[in-house]
């Protein structure tokens, strides 16, 4: 099966598109040696992230099993994860 998105760690709750993905497309996500199928519910640009499972408001967004941000609203599986529904926790001088 040709992979169209990747997640690095099994704990990740997002995957990264390795090509442009159209809304409604069933995507093959590679996680190490395993693959899973998920339908994206909106267009996902190459290099962008989408949710692998429901991520609730205030939950950490995990990529490489590392928190890269926090959701600002609930995000359903297959939805785009970006600045419109998460805030970065890296490189911010306003967080103590």
C-alpha atoms as a PDB file:
ATOM      1  CA  UNK A   1       0.000   0.000   0.000  1.00  0.00           C
ATOM      2  CA  UNK A   2       1.423   3.384  -0.984  1.00  0.00           C
ATOM      3  CA  UNK A   3       1.542   5.756   1.985  1.00  0.00           C
ATOM      4  CA  UNK A   4       0.130   9.248   1.520  1.00  0.00           C
ATOM      5  CA  UNK A   5       0.778  10.492   5.071  1.00  0.00           C
ATOM      6  CA  UNK A   6       3.088   9.623   7.943  1.00  0.00           C
ATOM      7  CA  UNK A   7       3.112   9.646  11.726  1.00  0.00           C
ATOM      8  CA  UNK A   8       6.385   8.914  13.469  1.00  0.00           C
ATOM      9  CA  UNK A   9       5.275   7.453  16.805  1.00  0.00           C
ATOM     10  CA  UNK A  10       2.232   5.342  17.648  1.00  0.00           C
ATOM     11  CA  UNK A  11       1.330   7.888  20.361  1.00  0.00           C
ATOM     12  CA  UNK A  12       1.018  10.709  17.775  1.00  0.00           C
ATOM     13  CA  UNK A  13      -2.479  12.099  17.349  1.00  0.00           C
ATOM     14  CA  UNK A  14      -1.659  13.822  14.038  1.00  0.00           C
ATOM     15  CA  UNK A  15      -0.186  12.683  10.744  1.00  0.00           C
ATOM     16  CA  UNK A  16       1.586  14.738   8.089  1.00  0.00           C
ATOM     17  CA  UNK A  17       0.478  14.682   4.457  1.00  0.00           C
ATOM     18  CA  UNK A  18       3.281  13.725   2.057  1.00  0.00           C
ATOM     19  CA  UNK A  19       1.220  14.945  -0.906  1.00  0.00           C
ATOM     20  CA  UNK A  20      -1.804  17.183  -1.364  1.00  0.00           C
ATOM     21  CA  UNK A  21      -4.934  15.372  -0.125  1.00  0.00           C
ATOM     22  CA  UNK A  22      -8.458  16.147  -1.309  1.00  0.00           C
ATOM     23  CA  UNK A  23     -11.419  16.188   1.069  1.00  0.00           C
ATOM     24  CA  UNK A  24     -13.118  12.784   1.187  1.00  0.00           C
ATOM     25  CA  UNK A  25      -9.963  10.880   0.224  1.00  0.00           C
ATOM     26  CA  UNK A  26      -9.119   7.702   2.124  1.00  0.00           C
ATOM     27  CA  UNK A  27      -5.514   8.182   3.206  1.00  0.00           C
ATOM     28  CA  UNK A  28      -2.944   5.490   3.961  1.00  0.00           C
ATOM     29  CA  UNK A  29      -0.958   6.604   7.016  1.00  0.00           C
ATOM     30  CA  UNK A  30       2.353   4.944   7.757  1.00  0.00           C
ATOM     31  CA  UNK A  31       3.341   4.624  11.403  1.00  0.00           C
ATOM     32  CA  UNK A  32       6.662   2.789  11.534  1.00  0.00           C
ATOM     33  CA  UNK A  33       6.000  -0.584   9.882  1.00  0.00           C
ATOM     34  CA  UNK A  34       2.229  -0.404  10.275  1.00  0.00           C
ATOM     35  CA  UNK A  35      -0.364   1.408   8.191  1.00  0.00           C
ATOM     36  CA  UNK A  36      -3.829   2.692   9.022  1.00  0.00           C
ATOM     37  CA  UNK A  37      -6.576   4.118   6.812  1.00  0.00           C
ATOM     38  CA  UNK A  38      -8.353   7.377   7.602  1.00  0.00           C
ATOM     39  CA  UNK A  39     -10.658   9.561   5.519  1.00  0.00           C
ATOM     40  CA  UNK A  40      -9.700  13.251   5.477  1.00  0.00           C
ATOM     41  CA  UNK A  41     -12.735  15.509   5.761  1.00  0.00           C
ATOM     42  CA  UNK A  42     -11.201  18.613   4.214  1.00  0.00           C
ATOM     43  CA  UNK A  43      -8.374  19.432   1.816  1.00  0.00           C
ATOM     44  CA  UNK A  44      -4.957  18.919   3.417  1.00  0.00           C
ATOM     45  CA  UNK A  45      -1.936  20.531   1.745  1.00  0.00           C
ATOM     46  CA  UNK A  46       1.398  18.742   1.399  1.00  0.00           C
ATOM     47  CA  UNK A  47       3.332  19.035   4.684  1.00  0.00           C
ATOM     48  CA  UNK A  48       0.270  19.898   6.750  1.00  0.00           C
ATOM     49  CA  UNK A  49      -1.157  17.883   9.637  1.00  0.00           C
ATOM     50  CA  UNK A  50      -4.514  16.221  10.185  1.00  0.00           C
ATOM     51  CA  UNK A  51      -6.035  14.515  13.216  1.00  0.00           C
ATOM     52  CA  UNK A  52      -5.809  10.732  13.512  1.00  0.00           C
ATOM     53  CA  UNK A  53      -8.396  10.647  16.302  1.00  0.00           C
ATOM     54  CA  UNK A  54     -10.561  13.140  18.144  1.00  0.00           C
ATOM     55  CA  UNK A  55      -8.359  15.684  19.901  1.00  0.00           C
ATOM     56  CA  UNK A  56     -10.330  17.596  22.514  1.00  0.00           C
ATOM     57  CA  UNK A  57     -10.033  21.310  23.260  1.00  0.00           C
ATOM     58  CA  UNK A  58      -6.969  22.009  25.418  1.00  0.00           C
ATOM     59  CA  UNK A  59      -5.292  18.677  24.612  1.00  0.00           C
ATOM     60  CA  UNK A  60      -1.684  18.490  23.408  1.00  0.00           C
ATOM     61  CA  UNK A  61      -1.079  17.969  19.706  1.00  0.00           C
ATOM     62  CA  UNK A  62       1.476  15.149  19.534  1.00  0.00           C
ATOM     63  CA  UNK A  63       3.949  14.818  16.674  1.00  0.00           C
ATOM     64  CA  UNK A  64       7.029  12.606  17.211  1.00  0.00           C
ATOM     65  CA  UNK A  65       5.307  11.834  20.571  1.00  0.00           C
ATOM     66  CA  UNK A  66       6.200  15.398  21.525  1.00  0.00           C
ATOM     67  CA  UNK A  67       3.726  18.172  22.306  1.00  0.00           C
ATOM     68  CA  UNK A  68       3.959  20.776  19.536  1.00  0.00           C
ATOM     69  CA  UNK A  69       0.873  22.751  20.504  1.00  0.00           C
ATOM     70  CA  UNK A  70      -2.481  22.785  22.233  1.00  0.00           C
ATOM     71  CA  UNK A  71      -5.888  22.630  20.595  1.00  0.00           C
ATOM     72  CA  UNK A  72      -8.162  25.648  20.841  1.00  0.00           C
ATOM     73  CA  UNK A  73     -11.270  23.592  19.953  1.00  0.00           C
ATOM     74  CA  UNK A  74     -12.234  19.953  19.488  1.00  0.00           C
ATOM     75  CA  UNK A  75     -10.778  18.457  16.304  1.00  0.00           C
ATOM     76  CA  UNK A  76     -12.394  15.400  14.728  1.00  0.00           C
ATOM     77  CA  UNK A  77     -10.447  12.660  12.905  1.00  0.00           C
ATOM     78  CA  UNK A  78      -9.461  13.647   9.364  1.00  0.00           C
ATOM     79  CA  UNK A  79      -9.652  17.403  10.053  1.00  0.00           C
ATOM     80  CA  UNK A  80      -6.824  19.817   9.257  1.00  0.00           C
ATOM     81  CA  UNK A  81      -4.721  20.737  12.320  1.00  0.00           C
ATOM     82  CA  UNK A  82      -3.143  24.174  11.963  1.00  0.00           C
ATOM     83  CA  UNK A  83      -3.182  27.696  13.427  1.00  0.00           C
ATOM     84  CA  UNK A  84      -6.984  27.963  13.108  1.00  0.00           C
ATOM     85  CA  UNK A  85      -7.558  25.228  15.714  1.00  0.00           C
ATOM     86  CA  UNK A  86      -4.307  24.957  17.693  1.00  0.00           C
ATOM     87  CA  UNK A  87      -1.795  27.266  19.295  1.00  0.00           C
ATOM     88  CA  UNK A  88       1.929  26.683  19.337  1.00  0.00           C
ATOM     89  CA  UNK A  89       3.680  26.107  22.628  1.00  0.00           C
ATOM     90  CA  UNK A  90       7.178  26.523  21.197  1.00  0.00           C
ATOM     91  CA  UNK A  91       9.276  29.667  21.081  1.00  0.00           C
ATOM     92  CA  UNK A  92       6.694  31.768  22.917  1.00  0.00           C
ATOM     93  CA  UNK A  93       7.914  34.405  25.327  1.00  0.00           C
ATOM     94  CA  UNK A  94       4.420  34.945  26.719  1.00  0.00           C
ATOM     95  CA  UNK A  95       4.233  31.530  28.394  1.00  0.00           C
ATOM     96  CA  UNK A  96       6.055  31.130  31.700  1.00  0.00           C
END
